[in-house]
Amino acid sequence: MKKIVYTTDFSENSVAALKYAMALGEVFNTDVIALHVATPSELKVTKKNNEKEARVALKAKLKEFCSEHLEEDLSDLNLTVAVTVASSVTKGIMDFTRDMQIRILIMGACGSGNFKDFFLGSSTKDMLEFSPHPLLAVPPNYVFTELKNVVYTTDFEQKDIINIKELLGLLDPVQPKLIILHVSDQDETMTKNLLEWFKKNLAEKVEYSDIEFKIIFSDNILKSLKENIENLDTDMVVMLERKPDTKKSSLLHRDLVKRMQSCIEVPLLSFNEKF
């Protein structure tokens, strides 16, 4: 059975992600693993005699963290905890999940609302680029609600069709309404022709009745995306993290995914184009 892996640094920003992971685990009827990645410097802070003792102490801290914020004894929950040691959080997560069947990876979003935060970097933003698994970033104040409206932002590419098919398989237990949203600063006629091409190709690959298509014409893509996501009563946003490319449009899109993770107030699910 595929598992949900939730990662935490014990910060308040990761509490909402913990609660979301547990709620999603119930919806999917699947196991949840709470993971903490300790760096060598963190092991020293524990002031234990060796790595083994430090790991035991951090695992106890992780259990206490989960129990406190879930307000339940862990023995009553479908949750296991794990601590791994690595030179970086990203490497630790990648190594831990390498041979596992992962349904979704859940982390806390920074939720600062400050676009300059994009340049500061975070473990979540690193994982957006490197994770081979669907990665869900949960804002710090978000409370899980039934998944009724899911917005998939698209550039009308073939890869989007593959991801939509995977997305619908992932969310099969809840059968949400899927709103496929495209914000364009290009010619209107060309964009509408592209939409018809996309609809035709999607229908050949995906059988799903509750799909709505929406096109917005705007010069400010990020602002328009954010406004429409709010207006559509969105429960989850889905975007494609594109692989590194020297093309300006690709670089802008990769920037956009990370900036969206910082500024929107609903969970952001990212699929990585590299995998």
Protein backbone atom coordinates (compact mmCIF):
# COMPACT_ATOMS: atom_id res chain seq x y z
CA MET A 1 0.00 0.00 0.00
CA LYS A 2 1.29 3.45 -0.91
CA LYS A 3 2.04 5.65 2.09
CA ILE A 4 1.75 9.33 2.94
CA VAL A 5 5.02 10.80 4.20
CA TYR A 6 4.82 14.01 6.23
CA THR A 7 8.06 15.80 7.05
CA THR A 8 8.63 18.26 9.87
CA ASP A 9 11.33 20.45 11.38
CA PHE A 10 9.25 20.83 14.57
CA SER A 11 8.24 24.36 13.56
CA GLU A 12 4.77 25.87 13.90
CA ASN A 13 4.68 26.16 10.10
CA SER A 14 4.56 22.37 9.87
CA VAL A 15 1.67 21.76 12.29
CA ALA A 16 -1.10 22.35 9.74
CA ALA A 17 0.67 19.95 7.37
CA LEU A 18 0.68 17.27 10.10
CA LYS A 19 -3.07 17.61 10.67
CA TYR A 20 -3.68 17.64 6.92
CA ALA A 21 -1.62 14.49 6.46
CA MET A 22 -3.60 12.65 9.10
CA ALA A 23 -6.93 13.77 7.62
CA LEU A 24 -5.81 12.72 4.14
CA GLY A 25 -4.64 9.39 5.52
CA GLU A 26 -8.18 8.72 6.75
CA VAL A 27 -9.68 9.73 3.40
CA PHE A 28 -7.25 7.50 1.48
CA ASN A 29 -7.29 4.76 4.14
CA THR A 30 -3.51 4.65 4.08
CA ASP A 31 -0.59 4.74 6.51
CA VAL A 32 1.07 8.02 7.46
CA ILE A 33 4.75 8.35 8.33
CA ALA A 34 5.97 11.43 10.22
CA LEU A 35 9.61 12.02 9.26
CA HIS A 36 12.24 14.30 10.73
CA VAL A 37 15.59 14.71 8.99
CA ALA A 38 18.40 15.59 11.37
CA THR A 39 21.59 17.20 10.14
CA PRO A 40 24.95 16.58 11.87
CA SER A 41 24.77 20.03 13.49
CA GLU A 42 21.38 19.18 15.00
CA LEU A 43 22.75 15.96 16.44
CA LYS A 44 25.38 17.98 18.32
CA VAL A 45 22.70 20.24 19.82
CA THR A 46 21.08 17.21 21.50
CA LYS A 47 24.29 16.85 23.58
CA LYS A 48 24.06 13.06 23.44
CA ASN A 49 27.10 10.80 23.53
CA ASN A 50 26.65 9.39 20.04
CA GLU A 51 24.44 9.41 16.96
CA LYS A 52 22.32 6.49 18.14
CA GLU A 53 21.40 8.25 21.38
CA ALA A 54 20.73 11.48 19.52
CA ARG A 55 18.38 9.72 17.12
CA VAL A 56 16.49 8.14 20.03
CA ALA A 57 16.10 11.58 21.65
CA LEU A 58 14.88 13.16 18.41
CA LYS A 59 12.43 10.32 17.80
CA ALA A 60 10.98 10.89 21.27
CA LYS A 61 10.72 14.61 20.47
CA LEU A 62 8.93 13.80 17.21
CA LYS A 63 6.44 11.55 19.00
CA GLU A 64 5.78 14.28 21.55
CA PHE A 65 5.38 16.90 18.78
CA CYS A 66 2.82 14.79 16.89
CA SER A 67 0.91 13.77 20.02
CA GLU A 68 0.73 17.35 21.30
CA HIS A 69 -0.59 18.86 18.08
CA LEU A 70 -2.92 16.00 17.20
CA GLU A 71 -4.13 15.94 20.82
CA GLU A 72 -4.13 12.16 20.83
CA ASP A 73 -1.95 9.29 21.94
CA LEU A 74 0.00 7.96 18.96
CA SER A 75 -1.00 4.41 19.80
CA ASP A 76 -4.54 5.35 18.81
CA LEU A 77 -3.49 6.71 15.41
CA ASN A 78 -2.48 5.21 12.08
CA LEU A 79 0.86 7.02 12.34
CA THR A 80 4.47 5.93 12.65
CA VAL A 81 7.44 8.21 13.27
CA ALA A 82 10.94 8.07 11.85
CA VAL A 83 14.18 10.00 12.20
CA THR A 84 16.96 9.89 9.64
CA VAL A 85 20.31 11.65 9.49
CA ALA A 86 21.65 13.38 6.38
CA SER A 87 23.83 16.27 5.30
CA SER A 88 20.72 18.15 4.15
CA VAL A 89 16.97 17.86 4.64
CA THR A 90 16.39 17.34 0.92
CA LYS A 91 18.94 14.52 0.72
CA GLY A 92 17.48 12.91 3.84
CA ILE A 93 13.95 12.88 2.44
CA MET A 94 15.12 11.59 -0.93
CA ASP A 95 17.17 8.78 0.63
CA PHE A 96 14.41 7.79 3.06
CA THR A 97 11.71 7.56 0.39
CA ARG A 98 13.88 6.14 -2.40
CA ASP A 99 12.62 2.55 -2.27
CA MET A 100 9.20 3.24 -0.78
CA GLN A 101 5.79 3.29 -2.41
CA ILE A 102 4.74 6.90 -1.77
CA ARG A 103 1.27 8.20 -2.50
CA ILE A 104 2.06 11.78 -1.58
CA LEU A 105 4.73 13.75 0.28
CA ILE A 106 3.42 16.51 2.57
CA MET A 107 5.40 19.47 3.92
CA GLY A 108 4.63 22.84 5.46
CA ALA A 109 4.59 25.86 3.17
CA CYS A 110 6.33 28.99 4.35
CA GLY A 111 3.11 31.00 3.99
CA SER A 112 4.87 34.35 4.34
CA GLY A 113 2.99 36.04 1.50
CA ASN A 114 6.23 37.86 0.75
CA PHE A 115 7.47 37.26 -2.78
CA LYS A 116 11.03 38.07 -1.70
CA ASP A 117 10.90 34.89 0.38
CA PHE A 118 11.33 33.03 -2.91
CA PHE A 119 14.97 34.02 -2.91
CA LEU A 120 15.58 32.86 0.65
CA GLY A 121 14.95 29.20 -0.12
CA SER A 122 13.56 26.44 2.13
CA SER A 123 13.45 22.67 2.31
CA THR A 124 9.97 22.68 0.79
CA LYS A 125 11.11 24.75 -2.17
CA ASP A 126 14.10 22.48 -2.70
CA MET A 127 11.82 19.46 -2.68
CA LEU A 128 9.52 21.11 -5.23
CA GLU A 129 12.42 20.84 -7.64
CA PHE A 130 13.78 17.41 -6.74
CA SER A 131 10.91 15.27 -5.46
CA PRO A 132 9.94 12.33 -7.71
CA HIS A 133 6.68 12.07 -5.74
CA PRO A 134 3.66 14.39 -5.77
CA LEU A 135 4.49 17.06 -3.19
CA LEU A 136 1.82 18.89 -1.22
CA ALA A 137 2.77 22.16 0.49
CA VAL A 138 0.27 23.10 3.21
CA PRO A 139 0.05 26.73 4.44
CA PRO A 140 0.61 27.14 8.20
CA ASN A 141 -2.93 28.26 9.06
CA TYR A 142 -4.84 25.94 6.74
CA VAL A 143 -7.48 23.61 8.15
CA PHE A 144 -8.36 20.47 6.18
CA THR A 145 -11.74 20.55 4.44
CA GLU A 146 -13.44 18.16 2.07
CA LEU A 147 -11.80 18.23 -1.35
CA LYS A 148 -14.62 19.54 -3.53
CA ASN A 149 -12.85 21.92 -5.95
CA VAL A 150 -9.36 21.21 -7.26
CA VAL A 151 -7.74 23.72 -9.61
CA TYR A 152 -5.11 22.47 -12.05
CA THR A 153 -3.12 25.28 -13.67
CA THR A 154 -2.09 24.39 -17.19
CA ASP A 155 -0.02 25.59 -20.12
CA PHE A 156 -1.93 23.18 -22.40
CA GLU A 157 1.00 20.80 -22.80
CA GLN A 158 1.07 17.03 -23.31
CA LYS A 159 2.75 16.59 -19.93
CA ASP A 160 -0.27 18.24 -18.30
CA ILE A 161 -2.51 15.49 -19.68
CA ILE A 162 -0.28 12.82 -18.12
CA ASN A 163 -0.32 14.64 -14.78
CA ILE A 164 -4.09 15.16 -14.83
CA LYS A 165 -4.56 11.44 -15.33
CA GLU A 166 -2.23 10.73 -12.40
CA LEU A 167 -3.95 13.40 -10.31
CA LEU A 168 -7.40 11.91 -10.84
CA GLY A 169 -6.05 8.50 -9.86
CA LEU A 170 -4.55 10.00 -6.72
CA LEU A 171 -7.81 11.76 -5.78
CA ASP A 172 -10.10 8.92 -6.85
CA PRO A 173 -11.46 8.36 -3.31
CA VAL A 174 -12.90 11.90 -3.21
CA GLN A 175 -13.92 12.51 -6.85
CA PRO A 176 -13.59 16.33 -6.74
CA LYS A 177 -14.63 18.83 -9.36
CA LEU A 178 -11.55 19.53 -11.49
CA ILE A 179 -11.15 23.08 -12.77
CA ILE A 180 -8.47 23.37 -15.44
CA LEU A 181 -7.27 26.97 -15.36
CA HIS A 182 -5.08 28.73 -17.90
CA VAL A 183 -3.92 32.34 -17.58
CA SER A 184 -2.68 33.71 -20.89
CA ASP A 185 -0.92 36.86 -22.03
CA GLN A 186 -0.96 35.62 -25.64
CA ASP A 187 -3.27 36.15 -28.62
CA GLU A 188 -6.88 35.22 -27.77
CA THR A 189 -7.60 33.27 -30.95
CA MET A 190 -4.40 31.25 -30.67
CA THR A 191 -5.11 30.49 -27.01
CA LYS A 192 -8.66 29.31 -27.70
CA ASN A 193 -7.42 27.06 -30.53
CA LEU A 194 -4.88 25.60 -28.13
CA LEU A 195 -7.66 24.97 -25.63
CA GLU A 196 -9.65 22.98 -28.19
CA TRP A 197 -6.58 20.90 -29.02
CA PHE A 198 -6.02 20.24 -25.32
CA LYS A 199 -9.65 19.27 -24.69
CA LYS A 200 -9.58 16.79 -27.57
CA ASN A 201 -6.33 15.16 -26.43
CA LEU A 202 -7.39 15.08 -22.79
CA ALA A 203 -10.69 13.36 -23.68
CA GLU A 204 -8.74 10.63 -25.48
CA LYS A 205 -6.66 9.89 -22.36
CA VAL A 206 -8.95 10.68 -19.45
CA GLU A 207 -12.52 9.68 -18.65
CA TYR A 208 -13.87 12.07 -16.04
CA SER A 209 -17.16 13.92 -16.20
CA ASP A 210 -16.72 16.70 -13.65
CA ILE A 211 -14.20 18.90 -15.48
CA GLU A 212 -14.48 22.62 -16.14
CA PHE A 213 -12.15 24.69 -18.32
CA LYS A 214 -11.41 28.33 -17.58
CA ILE A 215 -9.23 30.81 -19.50
CA ILE A 216 -8.17 34.18 -18.10
CA PHE A 217 -6.40 36.78 -20.25
CA SER A 218 -4.00 38.89 -18.23
CA ASP A 219 -0.53 40.41 -18.31
CA ASN A 220 -0.01 39.63 -14.63
CA ILE A 221 -0.14 35.85 -14.47
CA LEU A 222 0.66 35.42 -10.78
CA LYS A 223 -1.87 38.00 -9.62
CA SER A 224 -4.60 36.59 -11.87
CA LEU A 225 -3.92 33.03 -10.75
CA LYS A 226 -4.11 34.03 -7.10
CA GLU A 227 -7.35 36.01 -7.57
CA ASN A 228 -9.08 33.23 -9.50
CA ILE A 229 -8.00 30.55 -7.06
CA GLU A 230 -9.63 32.59 -4.30
CA ASN A 231 -12.80 33.22 -6.34
CA LEU A 232 -13.24 29.56 -7.29
CA ASP A 233 -13.56 28.40 -3.67
CA THR A 234 -10.49 26.22 -4.22
CA ASP A 235 -9.56 23.39 -1.85
CA MET A 236 -6.30 22.47 -3.61
CA VAL A 237 -4.14 23.91 -6.39
CA VAL A 238 -2.09 21.66 -8.65
CA MET A 239 0.89 22.80 -10.71
CA LEU A 240 3.64 21.21 -12.77
CA GLU A 241 7.22 21.82 -11.63
CA ARG A 242 9.14 21.98 -14.88
CA LYS A 243 12.65 20.64 -15.31
CA PRO A 244 15.52 23.14 -15.59
CA ASP A 245 15.62 24.87 -18.95
CA THR A 246 17.42 27.90 -20.30
CA LYS A 247 14.29 29.07 -22.07
CA LYS A 248 12.82 32.19 -20.48
CA SER A 249 9.27 30.78 -20.38
CA SER A 250 10.40 27.65 -18.55
CA LEU A 251 12.41 29.61 -16.01
CA LEU A 252 9.46 31.90 -15.37
CA HIS A 253 7.18 28.92 -14.81
CA ARG A 254 9.54 27.33 -12.30
CA ASP A 255 9.75 30.70 -10.52
CA LEU A 256 5.94 30.83 -10.56
CA VAL A 257 5.45 27.47 -8.83
CA LYS A 258 7.74 28.49 -5.96
CA ARG A 259 6.18 31.93 -5.63
CA MET A 260 2.70 30.40 -5.62
CA GLN A 261 3.81 28.16 -2.74
CA SER A 262 4.67 31.32 -0.80
CA CYS A 263 1.60 33.41 -1.43
CA ILE A 264 -1.55 31.30 -1.77
CA GLU A 265 -3.64 30.28 1.22
CA VAL A 266 -4.65 26.78 0.07
CA PRO A 267 -2.54 23.63 -0.30
CA LEU A 268 -0.39 23.45 -3.43
CA LEU A 269 0.24 20.04 -5.00
CA SER A 270 3.21 19.89 -7.34
CA PHE A 271 4.14 17.24 -9.91
CA ASN A 272 7.71 17.20 -11.16
CA GLU A 273 8.18 17.11 -14.94
CA LYS A 274 11.49 15.27 -14.54
CA PHE A 275 9.78 12.12 -13.25
